[in-house]
Every structure is written in structure tokens, then in C-alpha cells.
Amino acid sequence: DTKNNPLTDVKLYSNSILNGSVDADGSRTINYTDVVCGSSQSITVKCSDDTTCDTKSSSIDSEGDYDSLIFNCNICINKTDLSIKTSDVAIKSQGGKFNITALIDVEKVTVNNTKLDFREEYEIQ
């Protein structure tokens, strides 16, 4: 994570095939055999809930080549999908009608598949 703490239960996929989880230090070594020099290898990192953290590619340039890829998987820590702070909500009334506006913070959600449903509950005193 951004505080240099290793994440647990993070899975690595090499060319879409599960290659195991990271160790206690947040690292994983993948050894390739029988690959053509210059061929690109795709590495995908997924959180324990199968949310994709990131995908990167690297090429094997020569025999004994060592490449290091670093992934920032803070998305695996924060499980929030949608959140609204009370400070980001405004309520205005005019002529017995209420206009409510809210700033919604969206994480790990594709905007085109998000449906928001507002229900009203209020008490007039």
C-alpha cells in the first residue's frame, strides 16, 4: 500500500493463469521457461475479492533476464464503492418543495453501471 505495508491475499496472474499469492513481504517471483526472447508477459494483480488491482506487461529480453514490476494496490484496502459526506449534501426548500443535492464519491464502480435510488423520509414539525 502507499504506507509500504504489504497486502495479504493478493493474487498474481501470469498471462491470465493464476500463479499464486504474494508472500509476507508482498512479493512474488515468477520464473518463465520455454518462452521466446522478446515475448511480452502480462501480469495481473487481483485483490482477495477478485477486484483487479492492475495489469502490467514485461518482456523477457535475454536468458537470465530479471524484471521487477511494482503495483500500487490500495484499491484492495479500501472496500468503499460509493460514499457521501454529510458536508457534501445541501438541502434547499422553496414553496414546500425540497431540492437535495449531494456529491457522491465513486470508487471501484464503473459509472455506466451505477444506479442511484433516493428515497425520501422527513418529518415536518
N, C-alpha and C. Protein backbone atom coordinates (compact mmCIF):
# COMPACT_ATOMS: atom_id res chain seq x y z
N ASP A 1 0.83 -1.18 0.00
CA ASP A 1 0.00 0.00 0.00
C ASP A 1 0.88 1.26 0.00
N THR A 2 0.28 2.43 0.05
CA THR A 2 1.06 3.67 -0.01
C THR A 2 1.88 3.92 1.24
N LYS A 3 1.64 3.14 2.30
CA LYS A 3 2.42 3.27 3.53
C LYS A 3 3.49 2.18 3.61
N ASN A 4 3.76 1.53 2.47
CA ASN A 4 4.76 0.47 2.35
C ASN A 4 4.46 -0.76 3.20
N ASN A 5 3.20 -0.99 3.49
CA ASN A 5 2.79 -2.21 4.19
C ASN A 5 2.38 -3.24 3.15
N PRO A 6 2.89 -4.47 3.25
CA PRO A 6 2.49 -5.48 2.26
C PRO A 6 1.03 -5.87 2.44
N LEU A 7 0.39 -6.19 1.35
CA LEU A 7 -1.01 -6.63 1.37
C LEU A 7 -1.04 -8.15 1.37
N THR A 8 -1.98 -8.72 2.08
CA THR A 8 -2.11 -10.18 2.10
C THR A 8 -3.23 -10.60 1.17
N ASP A 9 -3.22 -11.85 0.80
CA ASP A 9 -4.25 -12.43 -0.07
C ASP A 9 -4.35 -11.75 -1.42
N VAL A 10 -3.25 -11.21 -1.92
CA VAL A 10 -3.22 -10.61 -3.25
C VAL A 10 -2.73 -11.69 -4.21
N LYS A 11 -3.49 -11.92 -5.29
CA LYS A 11 -3.19 -12.99 -6.23
C LYS A 11 -2.56 -12.43 -7.51
N LEU A 12 -1.61 -13.17 -8.06
CA LEU A 12 -0.96 -12.79 -9.30
C LEU A 12 -1.34 -13.77 -10.41
N TYR A 13 -1.65 -13.19 -11.55
CA TYR A 13 -1.97 -13.98 -12.74
C TYR A 13 -0.93 -13.66 -13.80
N SER A 14 -0.36 -14.69 -14.40
CA SER A 14 0.59 -14.52 -15.49
C SER A 14 -0.09 -15.00 -16.76
N ASN A 15 -0.29 -14.08 -17.69
CA ASN A 15 -0.97 -14.40 -18.94
C ASN A 15 -2.32 -15.08 -18.65
N SER A 16 -3.07 -14.51 -17.72
CA SER A 16 -4.42 -14.93 -17.32
C SER A 16 -4.48 -16.25 -16.55
N ILE A 17 -3.33 -16.79 -16.15
CA ILE A 17 -3.29 -18.04 -15.39
C ILE A 17 -2.82 -17.72 -13.97
N LEU A 18 -3.58 -18.18 -12.96
CA LEU A 18 -3.21 -17.93 -11.57
C LEU A 18 -1.82 -18.48 -11.29
N ASN A 19 -0.95 -17.62 -10.75
CA ASN A 19 0.42 -18.00 -10.46
C ASN A 19 0.70 -17.99 -8.97
N GLY A 20 -0.32 -17.83 -8.14
CA GLY A 20 -0.14 -17.85 -6.70
C GLY A 20 -0.39 -16.50 -6.06
N SER A 21 -0.08 -16.42 -4.76
CA SER A 21 -0.28 -15.20 -3.99
C SER A 21 1.07 -14.61 -3.62
N VAL A 22 1.04 -13.36 -3.16
CA VAL A 22 2.27 -12.72 -2.72
C VAL A 22 2.68 -13.30 -1.37
N ASP A 23 3.97 -13.15 -1.03
CA ASP A 23 4.45 -13.63 0.26
C ASP A 23 4.23 -12.57 1.34
N ALA A 24 4.74 -12.81 2.54
CA ALA A 24 4.54 -11.90 3.67
C ALA A 24 5.12 -10.51 3.41
N ASP A 25 6.10 -10.43 2.51
CA ASP A 25 6.70 -9.14 2.15
C ASP A 25 5.96 -8.45 1.02
N GLY A 26 4.92 -9.08 0.49
CA GLY A 26 4.17 -8.50 -0.62
C GLY A 26 4.84 -8.74 -1.96
N SER A 27 5.71 -9.75 -2.04
CA SER A 27 6.44 -10.03 -3.28
C SER A 27 6.06 -11.39 -3.84
N ARG A 28 6.37 -11.57 -5.10
CA ARG A 28 6.15 -12.86 -5.76
C ARG A 28 7.14 -12.95 -6.92
N THR A 29 7.84 -14.06 -7.01
CA THR A 29 8.75 -14.30 -8.12
C THR A 29 8.09 -15.27 -9.09
N ILE A 30 8.12 -14.91 -10.36
CA ILE A 30 7.59 -15.79 -11.40
C ILE A 30 8.75 -16.16 -12.31
N ASN A 31 9.00 -17.44 -12.46
CA ASN A 31 10.06 -17.92 -13.35
C ASN A 31 9.42 -18.42 -14.64
N TYR A 32 9.95 -17.93 -15.75
CA TYR A 32 9.45 -18.36 -17.05
C TYR A 32 10.46 -19.29 -17.70
N THR A 33 9.97 -20.39 -18.23
CA THR A 33 10.80 -21.30 -19.01
C THR A 33 10.10 -21.52 -20.34
N ASP A 34 10.86 -21.82 -21.34
CA ASP A 34 10.31 -22.09 -22.67
C ASP A 34 9.52 -20.91 -23.22
N VAL A 35 10.04 -19.69 -23.05
CA VAL A 35 9.43 -18.52 -23.68
C VAL A 35 10.43 -17.94 -24.67
N VAL A 36 9.92 -17.31 -25.69
CA VAL A 36 10.75 -16.71 -26.73
C VAL A 36 11.22 -15.34 -26.26
N CYS A 37 12.52 -15.06 -26.44
CA CYS A 37 13.05 -13.74 -26.07
C CYS A 37 12.27 -12.66 -26.81
N GLY A 38 11.93 -11.61 -26.09
CA GLY A 38 11.18 -10.50 -26.67
C GLY A 38 9.68 -10.66 -26.53
N SER A 39 9.24 -11.85 -26.10
CA SER A 39 7.79 -12.04 -25.95
C SER A 39 7.30 -11.32 -24.70
N SER A 40 6.13 -10.75 -24.82
CA SER A 40 5.55 -9.97 -23.73
C SER A 40 4.76 -10.87 -22.79
N GLN A 41 4.95 -10.67 -21.51
CA GLN A 41 4.23 -11.42 -20.48
C GLN A 41 3.32 -10.45 -19.74
N SER A 42 2.06 -10.79 -19.61
CA SER A 42 1.08 -9.95 -18.95
C SER A 42 0.89 -10.41 -17.50
N ILE A 43 1.08 -9.49 -16.55
CA ILE A 43 0.92 -9.80 -15.14
C ILE A 43 -0.26 -9.01 -14.60
N THR A 44 -1.24 -9.70 -14.04
CA THR A 44 -2.41 -9.06 -13.44
C THR A 44 -2.41 -9.36 -11.95
N VAL A 45 -2.66 -8.33 -11.16
CA VAL A 45 -2.74 -8.48 -9.71
C VAL A 45 -4.19 -8.27 -9.30
N LYS A 46 -4.72 -9.20 -8.49
CA LYS A 46 -6.11 -9.11 -8.03
C LYS A 46 -6.18 -9.15 -6.51
N CYS A 47 -7.13 -8.41 -5.97
CA CYS A 47 -7.38 -8.40 -4.53
C CYS A 47 -8.02 -9.73 -4.12
N SER A 48 -8.15 -9.94 -2.82
CA SER A 48 -8.75 -11.19 -2.32
C SER A 48 -10.19 -11.38 -2.80
N ASP A 49 -10.88 -10.27 -3.11
CA ASP A 49 -12.26 -10.37 -3.61
C ASP A 49 -12.33 -10.40 -5.13
N ASP A 50 -11.20 -10.63 -5.79
CA ASP A 50 -11.05 -10.71 -7.25
C ASP A 50 -11.20 -9.38 -7.97
N THR A 51 -11.18 -8.27 -7.24
CA THR A 51 -11.13 -6.96 -7.89
C THR A 51 -9.75 -6.82 -8.51
N THR A 52 -9.68 -6.42 -9.78
CA THR A 52 -8.40 -6.24 -10.43
C THR A 52 -7.73 -4.98 -9.92
N CYS A 53 -6.52 -5.15 -9.42
CA CYS A 53 -5.72 -4.03 -8.95
C CYS A 53 -5.08 -3.33 -10.15
N ASP A 54 -4.37 -4.10 -10.97
CA ASP A 54 -3.66 -3.51 -12.11
C ASP A 54 -3.14 -4.64 -12.99
N THR A 55 -2.84 -4.31 -14.23
CA THR A 55 -2.21 -5.23 -15.17
C THR A 55 -1.04 -4.50 -15.81
N LYS A 56 0.10 -5.17 -15.85
CA LYS A 56 1.29 -4.61 -16.49
C LYS A 56 1.92 -5.70 -17.35
N SER A 57 2.75 -5.26 -18.29
CA SER A 57 3.44 -6.20 -19.17
C SER A 57 4.94 -6.01 -19.05
N SER A 58 5.65 -7.10 -19.30
CA SER A 58 7.11 -7.06 -19.31
C SER A 58 7.59 -8.05 -20.35
N SER A 59 8.74 -7.78 -20.94
CA SER A 59 9.29 -8.67 -21.96
C SER A 59 10.55 -9.35 -21.45
N ILE A 60 10.70 -10.61 -21.80
CA ILE A 60 11.92 -11.36 -21.49
C ILE A 60 12.91 -11.01 -22.60
N ASP A 61 13.96 -10.27 -22.24
CA ASP A 61 14.90 -9.78 -23.25
C ASP A 61 16.04 -10.74 -23.53
N SER A 62 16.45 -11.51 -22.53
CA SER A 62 17.56 -12.44 -22.71
C SER A 62 17.47 -13.52 -21.64
N GLU A 63 18.22 -14.60 -21.82
CA GLU A 63 18.22 -15.66 -20.83
C GLU A 63 18.76 -15.12 -19.51
N GLY A 64 18.09 -15.41 -18.41
CA GLY A 64 18.51 -14.91 -17.11
C GLY A 64 18.04 -13.50 -16.83
N ASP A 65 17.22 -12.94 -17.71
CA ASP A 65 16.70 -11.57 -17.54
C ASP A 65 15.88 -11.49 -16.26
N TYR A 66 16.01 -10.38 -15.55
CA TYR A 66 15.23 -10.15 -14.33
C TYR A 66 14.53 -8.81 -14.47
N ASP A 67 13.23 -8.83 -14.44
CA ASP A 67 12.44 -7.59 -14.48
C ASP A 67 11.65 -7.49 -13.19
N SER A 68 11.49 -6.28 -12.71
CA SER A 68 10.74 -6.05 -11.49
C SER A 68 9.58 -5.11 -11.80
N LEU A 69 8.39 -5.50 -11.41
CA LEU A 69 7.20 -4.67 -11.59
C LEU A 69 6.65 -4.30 -10.22
N ILE A 70 6.27 -3.06 -10.06
CA ILE A 70 5.70 -2.59 -8.80
C ILE A 70 4.25 -2.20 -9.04
N PHE A 71 3.38 -2.69 -8.19
CA PHE A 71 1.95 -2.41 -8.30
C PHE A 71 1.49 -1.68 -7.04
N ASN A 72 0.67 -0.65 -7.22
CA ASN A 72 0.05 0.04 -6.09
C ASN A 72 -1.38 -0.50 -5.99
N CYS A 73 -1.64 -1.28 -4.97
CA CYS A 73 -2.94 -1.93 -4.84
C CYS A 73 -3.73 -1.40 -3.65
N ASN A 74 -3.73 -0.10 -3.47
CA ASN A 74 -4.54 0.50 -2.40
C ASN A 74 -6.02 0.18 -2.57
N ILE A 75 -6.42 -0.11 -3.79
CA ILE A 75 -7.83 -0.45 -4.05
C ILE A 75 -8.22 -1.70 -3.25
N CYS A 76 -7.24 -2.54 -2.92
CA CYS A 76 -7.53 -3.75 -2.15
C CYS A 76 -7.80 -3.45 -0.68
N ILE A 77 -7.37 -2.29 -0.21
CA ILE A 77 -7.58 -1.91 1.20
C ILE A 77 -8.94 -1.26 1.37
N ASN A 78 -9.25 -0.33 0.51
CA ASN A 78 -10.48 0.45 0.64
C ASN A 78 -11.61 -0.28 -0.07
N LYS A 79 -12.54 -0.78 0.70
CA LYS A 79 -13.65 -1.54 0.12
C LYS A 79 -14.87 -0.66 -0.16
N THR A 80 -14.72 0.65 -0.04
CA THR A 80 -15.83 1.56 -0.28
C THR A 80 -16.15 1.60 -1.77
N ASP A 81 -17.40 1.53 -2.12
CA ASP A 81 -17.83 1.68 -3.50
C ASP A 81 -18.37 3.09 -3.73
N LEU A 82 -19.36 3.47 -2.96
CA LEU A 82 -19.97 4.79 -3.06
C LEU A 82 -20.00 5.39 -1.66
N SER A 83 -19.68 6.67 -1.57
CA SER A 83 -19.77 7.32 -0.26
C SER A 83 -20.22 8.76 -0.44
N ILE A 84 -20.94 9.25 0.57
CA ILE A 84 -21.42 10.63 0.59
C ILE A 84 -21.08 11.21 1.95
N LYS A 85 -20.36 12.31 1.96
CA LYS A 85 -20.08 13.01 3.21
C LYS A 85 -21.24 13.95 3.51
N THR A 86 -21.59 14.06 4.78
CA THR A 86 -22.69 14.97 5.14
C THR A 86 -22.37 16.40 4.75
N SER A 87 -21.09 16.75 4.73
CA SER A 87 -20.71 18.12 4.34
C SER A 87 -20.92 18.36 2.85
N ASP A 88 -21.12 17.29 2.07
CA ASP A 88 -21.34 17.42 0.63
C ASP A 88 -22.82 17.32 0.25
N VAL A 89 -23.70 17.44 1.24
CA VAL A 89 -25.14 17.40 0.99
C VAL A 89 -25.73 18.77 1.28
N ALA A 90 -26.52 19.27 0.34
CA ALA A 90 -27.20 20.56 0.52
C ALA A 90 -28.70 20.35 0.35
N ILE A 91 -29.47 20.92 1.25
CA ILE A 91 -30.94 20.83 1.19
C ILE A 91 -31.50 22.24 1.16
N LYS A 92 -32.29 22.51 0.12
CA LYS A 92 -32.94 23.81 -0.01
C LYS A 92 -34.43 23.59 -0.14
N SER A 93 -35.20 24.43 0.53
CA SER A 93 -36.65 24.31 0.40
C SER A 93 -37.21 25.60 -0.19
N GLN A 94 -38.22 25.42 -1.02
CA GLN A 94 -38.87 26.57 -1.64
C GLN A 94 -40.32 26.19 -1.92
N GLY A 95 -41.22 26.89 -1.29
CA GLY A 95 -42.65 26.65 -1.52
C GLY A 95 -43.09 25.25 -1.18
N GLY A 96 -42.56 24.67 -0.12
CA GLY A 96 -42.96 23.32 0.28
C GLY A 96 -42.26 22.21 -0.48
N LYS A 97 -41.39 22.57 -1.42
CA LYS A 97 -40.63 21.57 -2.17
C LYS A 97 -39.18 21.60 -1.70
N PHE A 98 -38.56 20.45 -1.72
CA PHE A 98 -37.18 20.33 -1.27
C PHE A 98 -36.29 19.95 -2.44
N ASN A 99 -35.16 20.62 -2.53
CA ASN A 99 -34.16 20.29 -3.54
C ASN A 99 -32.92 19.79 -2.78
N ILE A 100 -32.59 18.55 -2.99
CA ILE A 100 -31.45 17.95 -2.31
C ILE A 100 -30.38 17.65 -3.34
N THR A 101 -29.18 18.14 -3.09
CA THR A 101 -28.04 17.84 -3.96
C THR A 101 -26.96 17.19 -3.10
N ALA A 102 -26.25 16.24 -3.70
CA ALA A 102 -25.20 15.53 -2.98
C ALA A 102 -24.05 15.21 -3.92
N LEU A 103 -22.85 15.36 -3.42
CA LEU A 103 -21.65 14.97 -4.16
C LEU A 103 -21.34 13.53 -3.76
N ILE A 104 -21.31 12.65 -4.74
CA ILE A 104 -21.11 11.23 -4.47
C ILE A 104 -19.72 10.83 -4.94
N ASP A 105 -18.94 10.26 -4.04
CA ASP A 105 -17.59 9.79 -4.35
C ASP A 105 -17.71 8.34 -4.81
N VAL A 106 -17.20 8.05 -6.00
CA VAL A 106 -17.32 6.72 -6.59
C VAL A 106 -15.94 6.09 -6.68
N GLU A 107 -15.82 4.87 -6.14
CA GLU A 107 -14.58 4.11 -6.22
C GLU A 107 -14.93 2.68 -6.61
N LYS A 108 -14.12 2.08 -7.43
CA LYS A 108 -14.28 0.68 -7.82
C LYS A 108 -15.63 0.40 -8.47
N VAL A 109 -16.24 1.40 -9.07
CA VAL A 109 -17.53 1.22 -9.72
C VAL A 109 -17.46 1.86 -11.09
N THR A 110 -17.87 1.14 -12.11
CA THR A 110 -17.95 1.72 -13.44
C THR A 110 -19.17 2.61 -13.49
N VAL A 111 -18.98 3.85 -13.91
CA VAL A 111 -20.05 4.83 -13.87
C VAL A 111 -21.27 4.39 -14.67
N ASN A 112 -21.07 3.76 -15.81
CA ASN A 112 -22.22 3.41 -16.65
C ASN A 112 -23.05 2.25 -16.09
N ASN A 113 -22.59 1.60 -15.01
CA ASN A 113 -23.41 0.53 -14.43
C ASN A 113 -23.91 0.90 -13.03
N THR A 114 -23.85 2.18 -12.71
CA THR A 114 -24.25 2.64 -11.38
C THR A 114 -25.68 3.16 -11.40
N LYS A 115 -26.49 2.66 -10.49
CA LYS A 115 -27.86 3.13 -10.36
C LYS A 115 -28.04 3.67 -8.95
N LEU A 116 -28.45 4.90 -8.84
CA LEU A 116 -28.69 5.51 -7.54
C LEU A 116 -30.18 5.68 -7.35
N ASP A 117 -30.65 5.31 -6.18
CA ASP A 117 -32.07 5.41 -5.86
C ASP A 117 -32.18 6.22 -4.57
N PHE A 118 -32.81 7.38 -4.65
CA PHE A 118 -33.01 8.22 -3.48
C PHE A 118 -34.42 8.02 -2.95
N ARG A 119 -34.51 7.78 -1.68
CA ARG A 119 -35.82 7.63 -1.04
C ARG A 119 -35.96 8.76 -0.04
N GLU A 120 -37.16 9.27 0.09
CA GLU A 120 -37.36 10.41 0.98
C GLU A 120 -38.00 9.98 2.28
N GLU A 121 -37.47 10.51 3.35
CA GLU A 121 -38.05 10.35 4.67
C GLU A 121 -37.81 11.66 5.40
N TYR A 122 -38.86 12.29 5.82
CA TYR A 122 -38.69 13.54 6.57
C TYR A 122 -39.87 13.74 7.50
N GLU A 123 -39.63 14.55 8.47
CA GLU A 123 -40.66 14.84 9.46
C GLU A 123 -40.89 16.34 9.48
N ILE A 124 -42.13 16.76 9.31
CA ILE A 124 -42.47 18.18 9.35
C ILE A 124 -42.91 18.51 10.76
N GLN A 125 -42.28 19.53 11.31
CA GLN A 125 -42.62 19.94 12.68
C GLN A 125 -43.26 21.29 12.69
